[in-house]
Amino acid sequence: MRVYMVASNSGARLVRANHRSQALQFVAAQEYTIRVASQDDLIKCLSEGKAVETAKHPDQTEFNLA
């Protein structure tokens, strides 16, 4: 095990974990919730000007298969 510092705009936390992703998941699970967006969620957020973001790894390559 190692001690990782998990930092965000709201501060930093020290977390003992077996690997980085475990430390990040531990902190994220206490700070955030996640579920599939309903139609009402989409309508509300889009009407507030929130865009749909696409999550992908920075090293992920896109292939044009056309």
PDB file of N, CA and C in Angstrom:
ATOM      1  N   MET A   1       0.837  -1.188   0.000  1.00  0.00           N
ATOM      2  CA  MET A   1       0.000   0.000   0.000  1.00  0.00           C
ATOM      3  C   MET A   1       0.878   1.246   0.000  1.00  0.00           C
ATOM      4  N   ARG A   2       0.311   2.290  -0.587  1.00  0.00           N
ATOM      5  CA  ARG A   2       0.967   3.599  -0.597  1.00  0.00           C
ATOM      6  C   ARG A   2      -0.027   4.637  -0.116  1.00  0.00           C
ATOM      7  N   VAL A   3       0.484   5.809   0.223  1.00  0.00           N
ATOM      8  CA  VAL A   3      -0.376   6.937   0.558  1.00  0.00           C
ATOM      9  C   VAL A   3      -0.375   7.872  -0.640  1.00  0.00           C
ATOM     10  N   TYR A   4      -1.563   8.135  -1.158  1.00  0.00           N
ATOM     11  CA  TYR A   4      -1.738   9.015  -2.311  1.00  0.00           C
ATOM     12  C   TYR A   4      -2.374  10.322  -1.860  1.00  0.00           C
ATOM     13  N   MET A   5      -1.980  11.421  -2.497  1.00  0.00           N
ATOM     14  CA  MET A   5      -2.645  12.692  -2.270  1.00  0.00           C
ATOM     15  C   MET A   5      -3.631  12.893  -3.416  1.00  0.00           C
ATOM     16  N   VAL A   6      -4.904  12.959  -3.079  1.00  0.00           N
ATOM     17  CA  VAL A   6      -5.957  13.197  -4.062  1.00  0.00           C
ATOM     18  C   VAL A   6      -6.372  14.657  -3.902  1.00  0.00           C
ATOM     19  N   ALA A   7      -6.125  15.463  -4.922  1.00  0.00           N
ATOM     20  CA  ALA A   7      -6.360  16.906  -4.820  1.00  0.00           C
ATOM     21  C   ALA A   7      -7.401  17.364  -5.826  1.00  0.00           C
ATOM     22  N   SER A   8      -8.149  18.391  -5.423  1.00  0.00           N
ATOM     23  CA  SER A   8      -9.125  19.028  -6.310  1.00  0.00           C
ATOM     24  C   SER A   8      -9.129  20.512  -6.005  1.00  0.00           C
ATOM     25  N   ASN A   9     -10.012  21.248  -6.656  1.00  0.00           N
ATOM     26  CA  ASN A   9     -10.121  22.679  -6.397  1.00  0.00           C
ATOM     27  C   ASN A   9     -10.575  22.964  -4.969  1.00  0.00           C
ATOM     28  N   SER A  10     -11.217  21.993  -4.327  1.00  0.00           N
ATOM     29  CA  SER A  10     -11.718  22.204  -2.965  1.00  0.00           C
ATOM     30  C   SER A  10     -10.723  21.771  -1.891  1.00  0.00           C
ATOM     31  N   GLY A  11      -9.571  21.233  -2.277  1.00  0.00           N
ATOM     32  CA  GLY A  11      -8.568  20.847  -1.294  1.00  0.00           C
ATOM     33  C   GLY A  11      -7.914  19.526  -1.628  1.00  0.00           C
ATOM     34  N   ALA A  12      -7.133  19.021  -0.676  1.00  0.00           N
ATOM     35  CA  ALA A  12      -6.392  17.777  -0.881  1.00  0.00           C
ATOM     36  C   ALA A  12      -6.699  16.806   0.252  1.00  0.00           C
ATOM     37  N   ARG A  13      -6.630  15.516  -0.073  1.00  0.00           N
ATOM     38  CA  ARG A  13      -6.833  14.460   0.919  1.00  0.00           C
ATOM     39  C   ARG A  13      -5.735  13.426   0.764  1.00  0.00           C
ATOM     40  N   LEU A  14      -5.317  12.840   1.873  1.00  0.00           N
ATOM     41  CA  LEU A  14      -4.348  11.749   1.861  1.00  0.00           C
ATOM     42  C   LEU A  14      -5.113  10.448   2.027  1.00  0.00           C
ATOM     43  N   VAL A  15      -4.881   9.504   1.118  1.00  0.00           N
ATOM     44  CA  VAL A  15      -5.621   8.241   1.116  1.00  0.00           C
ATOM     45  C   VAL A  15      -4.629   7.085   0.981  1.00  0.00           C
ATOM     46  N   ARG A  16      -4.715   6.120   1.890  1.00  0.00           N
ATOM     47  CA  ARG A  16      -3.896   4.909   1.791  1.00  0.00           C
ATOM     48  C   ARG A  16      -4.654   3.911   0.917  1.00  0.00           C
ATOM     49  N   ALA A  17      -4.000   3.428  -0.141  1.00  0.00           N
ATOM     50  CA  ALA A  17      -4.656   2.523  -1.084  1.00  0.00           C
ATOM     51  C   ALA A  17      -3.613   1.667  -1.787  1.00  0.00           C
ATOM     52  N   ASN A  18      -4.100   0.617  -2.440  1.00  0.00           N
ATOM     53  CA  ASN A  18      -3.209  -0.271  -3.192  1.00  0.00           C
ATOM     54  C   ASN A  18      -2.747   0.338  -4.504  1.00  0.00           C
ATOM     55  N   HIS A  19      -3.571   1.205  -5.111  1.00  0.00           N
ATOM     56  CA  HIS A  19      -3.188   1.861  -6.363  1.00  0.00           C
ATOM     57  C   HIS A  19      -3.959   3.162  -6.528  1.00  0.00           C
ATOM     58  N   ARG A  20      -3.506   3.974  -7.466  1.00  0.00           N
ATOM     59  CA  ARG A  20      -4.055   5.320  -7.691  1.00  0.00           C
ATOM     60  C   ARG A  20      -5.550   5.316  -7.927  1.00  0.00           C
ATOM     61  N   SER A  21      -6.019   4.419  -8.791  1.00  0.00           N
ATOM     62  CA  SER A  21      -7.437   4.412  -9.130  1.00  0.00           C
ATOM     63  C   SER A  21      -8.293   4.064  -7.917  1.00  0.00           C
ATOM     64  N   GLN A  22      -7.782   3.230  -7.022  1.00  0.00           N
ATOM     65  CA  GLN A  22      -8.519   2.898  -5.805  1.00  0.00           C
ATOM     66  C   GLN A  22      -8.637   4.132  -4.910  1.00  0.00           C
ATOM     67  N   ALA A  23      -7.578   4.912  -4.794  1.00  0.00           N
ATOM     68  CA  ALA A  23      -7.615   6.137  -3.993  1.00  0.00           C
ATOM     69  C   ALA A  23      -8.595   7.142  -4.581  1.00  0.00           C
ATOM     70  N   LEU A  24      -8.550   7.324  -5.895  1.00  0.00           N
ATOM     71  CA  LEU A  24      -9.456   8.262  -6.547  1.00  0.00           C
ATOM     72  C   LEU A  24     -10.908   7.815  -6.415  1.00  0.00           C
ATOM     73  N   GLN A  25     -11.168   6.530  -6.594  1.00  0.00           N
ATOM     74  CA  GLN A  25     -12.531   6.009  -6.476  1.00  0.00           C
ATOM     75  C   GLN A  25     -13.059   6.188  -5.060  1.00  0.00           C
ATOM     76  N   PHE A  26     -12.210   5.994  -4.066  1.00  0.00           N
ATOM     77  CA  PHE A  26     -12.598   6.159  -2.672  1.00  0.00           C
ATOM     78  C   PHE A  26     -13.083   7.585  -2.409  1.00  0.00           C
ATOM     79  N   VAL A  27     -12.324   8.566  -2.884  1.00  0.00           N
ATOM     80  CA  VAL A  27     -12.691   9.971  -2.680  1.00  0.00           C
ATOM     81  C   VAL A  27     -13.922  10.326  -3.512  1.00  0.00           C
ATOM     82  N   ALA A  28     -13.950   9.903  -4.762  1.00  0.00           N
ATOM     83  CA  ALA A  28     -15.070  10.234  -5.646  1.00  0.00           C
ATOM     84  C   ALA A  28     -16.389   9.680  -5.117  1.00  0.00           C
ATOM     85  N   ALA A  29     -16.364   8.474  -4.556  1.00  0.00           N
ATOM     86  CA  ALA A  29     -17.588   7.858  -4.044  1.00  0.00           C
ATOM     87  C   ALA A  29     -18.181   8.644  -2.882  1.00  0.00           C
ATOM     88  N   GLN A  30     -17.351   9.391  -2.166  1.00  0.00           N
ATOM     89  CA  GLN A  30     -17.832  10.198  -1.050  1.00  0.00           C
ATOM     90  C   GLN A  30     -18.292  11.583  -1.490  1.00  0.00           C
ATOM     91  N   GLU A  31     -17.858  12.013  -2.663  1.00  0.00           N
ATOM     92  CA  GLU A  31     -18.155  13.361  -3.137  1.00  0.00           C
ATOM     93  C   GLU A  31     -19.243  13.406  -4.202  1.00  0.00           C
ATOM     94  N   TYR A  32     -19.404  12.345  -4.961  1.00  0.00           N
ATOM     95  CA  TYR A  32     -20.270  12.370  -6.129  1.00  0.00           C
ATOM     96  C   TYR A  32     -21.217  11.181  -6.152  1.00  0.00           C
ATOM     97  N   THR A  33     -22.300  11.350  -6.885  1.00  0.00           N
ATOM     98  CA  THR A  33     -23.180  10.236  -7.211  1.00  0.00           C
ATOM     99  C   THR A  33     -23.242  10.160  -8.735  1.00  0.00           C
ATOM    100  N   ILE A  34     -23.617   9.003  -9.247  1.00  0.00           N
ATOM    101  CA  ILE A  34     -23.709   8.851 -10.693  1.00  0.00           C
ATOM    102  C   ILE A  34     -24.867   7.921 -11.035  1.00  0.00           C
ATOM    103  N   ARG A  35     -25.583   8.278 -12.100  1.00  0.00           N
ATOM    104  CA  ARG A  35     -26.668   7.452 -12.614  1.00  0.00           C
ATOM    105  C   ARG A  35     -26.904   7.853 -14.059  1.00  0.00           C
ATOM    106  N   VAL A  36     -27.635   7.063 -14.784  1.00  0.00           N
ATOM    107  CA  VAL A  36     -27.987   7.406 -16.157  1.00  0.00           C
ATOM    108  C   VAL A  36     -28.958   8.584 -16.109  1.00  0.00           C
ATOM    109  N   ALA A  37     -28.733   9.577 -16.949  1.00  0.00           N
ATOM    110  CA  ALA A  37     -29.584  10.764 -16.969  1.00  0.00           C
ATOM    111  C   ALA A  37     -30.963  10.433 -17.533  1.00  0.00           C
ATOM    112  N   SER A  38     -31.990  10.942 -16.868  1.00  0.00           N
ATOM    113  CA  SER A  38     -33.350  10.775 -17.378  1.00  0.00           C
ATOM    114  C   SER A  38     -33.625  11.859 -18.417  1.00  0.00           C
ATOM    115  N   GLN A  39     -34.747  11.745 -19.104  1.00  0.00           N
ATOM    116  CA  GLN A  39     -35.125  12.792 -20.061  1.00  0.00           C
ATOM    117  C   GLN A  39     -35.320  14.122 -19.334  1.00  0.00           C
ATOM    118  N   ASP A  40     -35.907  14.082 -18.151  1.00  0.00           N
ATOM    119  CA  ASP A  40     -36.090  15.317 -17.375  1.00  0.00           C
ATOM    120  C   ASP A  40     -34.752  15.927 -16.982  1.00  0.00           C
ATOM    121  N   ASP A  41     -33.762  15.077 -16.608  1.00  0.00           N
ATOM    122  CA  ASP A  41     -32.420  15.581 -16.299  1.00  0.00           C
ATOM    123  C   ASP A  41     -31.823  16.293 -17.509  1.00  0.00           C
ATOM    124  N   LEU A  42     -31.947  15.662 -18.681  1.00  0.00           N
ATOM    125  CA  LEU A  42     -31.397  16.247 -19.903  1.00  0.00           C
ATOM    126  C   LEU A  42     -32.054  17.578 -20.222  1.00  0.00           C
ATOM    127  N   ILE A  43     -33.373  17.628 -20.148  1.00  0.00           N
ATOM    128  CA  ILE A  43     -34.102  18.869 -20.439  1.00  0.00           C
ATOM    129  C   ILE A  43     -33.661  19.977 -19.488  1.00  0.00           C
ATOM    130  N   LYS A  44     -33.594  19.663 -18.203  1.00  0.00           N
ATOM    131  CA  LYS A  44     -33.215  20.665 -17.193  1.00  0.00           C
ATOM    132  C   LYS A  44     -31.803  21.184 -17.430  1.00  0.00           C
ATOM    133  N   CYS A  45     -30.861  20.266 -17.572  1.00  0.00           N
ATOM    134  CA  CYS A  45     -29.465  20.680 -17.731  1.00  0.00           C
ATOM    135  C   CYS A  45     -29.218  21.429 -19.037  1.00  0.00           C
ATOM    136  N   LEU A  46     -29.785  20.936 -20.133  1.00  0.00           N
ATOM    137  CA  LEU A  46     -29.595  21.616 -21.415  1.00  0.00           C
ATOM    138  C   LEU A  46     -30.234  22.997 -21.410  1.00  0.00           C
ATOM    139  N   SER A  47     -31.387  23.140 -20.749  1.00  0.00           N
ATOM    140  CA  SER A  47     -32.036  24.456 -20.678  1.00  0.00           C
ATOM    141  C   SER A  47     -31.241  25.425 -19.805  1.00  0.00           C
ATOM    142  N   GLU A  48     -30.402  24.887 -18.901  1.00  0.00           N
ATOM    143  CA  GLU A  48     -29.520  25.722 -18.072  1.00  0.00           C
ATOM    144  C   GLU A  48     -28.207  26.030 -18.777  1.00  0.00           C
ATOM    145  N   GLY A  49     -28.063  25.570 -20.021  1.00  0.00           N
ATOM    146  CA  GLY A  49     -26.860  25.850 -20.800  1.00  0.00           C
ATOM    147  C   GLY A  49     -25.716  24.877 -20.585  1.00  0.00           C
ATOM    148  N   LYS A  50     -25.991  23.757 -19.916  1.00  0.00           N
ATOM    149  CA  LYS A  50     -24.947  22.761 -19.706  1.00  0.00           C
ATOM    150  C   LYS A  50     -24.848  21.879 -20.940  1.00  0.00           C
ATOM    151  N   ALA A  51     -23.631  21.685 -21.413  1.00  0.00           N
ATOM    152  CA  ALA A  51     -23.400  20.862 -22.599  1.00  0.00           C
ATOM    153  C   ALA A  51     -23.163  19.408 -22.194  1.00  0.00           C
ATOM    154  N   VAL A  52     -23.391  18.507 -23.123  1.00  0.00           N
ATOM    155  CA  VAL A  52     -23.046  17.102 -22.915  1.00  0.00           C
ATOM    156  C   VAL A  52     -21.564  16.952 -23.227  1.00  0.00           C
ATOM    157  N   GLU A  53     -20.800  16.475 -22.257  1.00  0.00           N
ATOM    158  CA  GLU A  53     -19.359  16.303 -22.416  1.00  0.00           C
ATOM    159  C   GLU A  53     -19.055  14.851 -22.768  1.00  0.00           C
ATOM    160  N   THR A  54     -17.994  14.632 -23.532  1.00  0.00           N
ATOM    161  CA  THR A  54     -17.573  13.283 -23.890  1.00  0.00           C
ATOM    162  C   THR A  54     -16.315  12.938 -23.110  1.00  0.00           C
ATOM    163  N   ALA A  55     -16.391  11.873 -22.323  1.00  0.00           N
ATOM    164  CA  ALA A  55     -15.248  11.440 -21.520  1.00  0.00           C
ATOM    165  C   ALA A  55     -14.449  10.411 -22.307  1.00  0.00           C
ATOM    166  N   LYS A  56     -13.148  10.673 -22.429  1.00  0.00           N
ATOM    167  CA  LYS A  56     -12.260   9.694 -23.043  1.00  0.00           C
ATOM    168  C   LYS A  56     -10.858   9.938 -22.524  1.00  0.00           C
ATOM    169  N   HIS A  57     -10.053   8.916 -22.563  1.00  0.00           N
ATOM    170  CA  HIS A  57      -8.672   9.015 -22.110  1.00  0.00           C
ATOM    171  C   HIS A  57      -7.904   9.906 -23.083  1.00  0.00           C
ATOM    172  N   PRO A  58      -7.034  10.781 -22.578  1.00  0.00           N
ATOM    173  CA  PRO A  58      -6.291  11.684 -23.477  1.00  0.00           C
ATOM    174  C   PRO A  58      -5.468  10.973 -24.541  1.00  0.00           C
ATOM    175  N   ASP A  59      -5.030   9.750 -24.254  1.00  0.00           N
ATOM    176  CA  ASP A  59      -4.221   9.005 -25.217  1.00  0.00           C
ATOM    177  C   ASP A  59      -5.064   8.151 -26.170  1.00  0.00           C
ATOM    178  N   GLN A  60      -6.383   8.191 -26.006  1.00  0.00           N
ATOM    179  CA  GLN A  60      -7.256   7.372 -26.847  1.00  0.00           C
ATOM    180  C   GLN A  60      -7.266   7.909 -28.265  1.00  0.00           C
ATOM    181  N   THR A  61      -7.030   7.030 -29.219  1.00  0.00           N
ATOM    182  CA  THR A  61      -7.005   7.413 -30.624  1.00  0.00           C
ATOM    183  C   THR A  61      -8.367   7.115 -31.256  1.00  0.00           C
ATOM    184  N   GLU A  62      -8.826   8.055 -32.071  1.00  0.00           N
ATOM    185  CA  GLU A  62     -10.078   7.835 -32.793  1.00  0.00           C
ATOM    186  C   GLU A  62      -9.746   7.359 -34.200  1.00  0.00           C
ATOM    187  N   PHE A  63     -10.435   6.333 -34.637  1.00  0.00           N
ATOM    188  CA  PHE A  63     -10.224   5.796 -35.978  1.00  0.00           C
ATOM    189  C   PHE A  63     -11.402   6.179 -36.869  1.00  0.00           C
ATOM    190  N   ASN A  64     -11.096   6.651 -38.062  1.00  0.00           N
ATOM    191  CA  ASN A  64     -12.139   6.966 -39.028  1.00  0.00           C
ATOM    192  C   ASN A  64     -12.355   5.713 -39.889  1.00  0.00           C
ATOM    193  N   LEU A  65     -13.462   5.046 -39.658  1.00  0.00           N
ATOM    194  CA  LEU A  65     -13.717   3.796 -40.349  1.00  0.00           C
ATOM    195  C   LEU A  65     -14.628   3.968 -41.562  1.00  0.00           C
ATOM    196  N   ALA A  66     -14.825   5.189 -42.002  1.00  0.00           N
ATOM    197  CA  ALA A  66     -15.705   5.453 -43.145  1.00  0.00           C
ATOM    198  C   ALA A  66     -15.062   5.078 -44.439  1.00  0.00           C
TER     199      ALA A  66
END
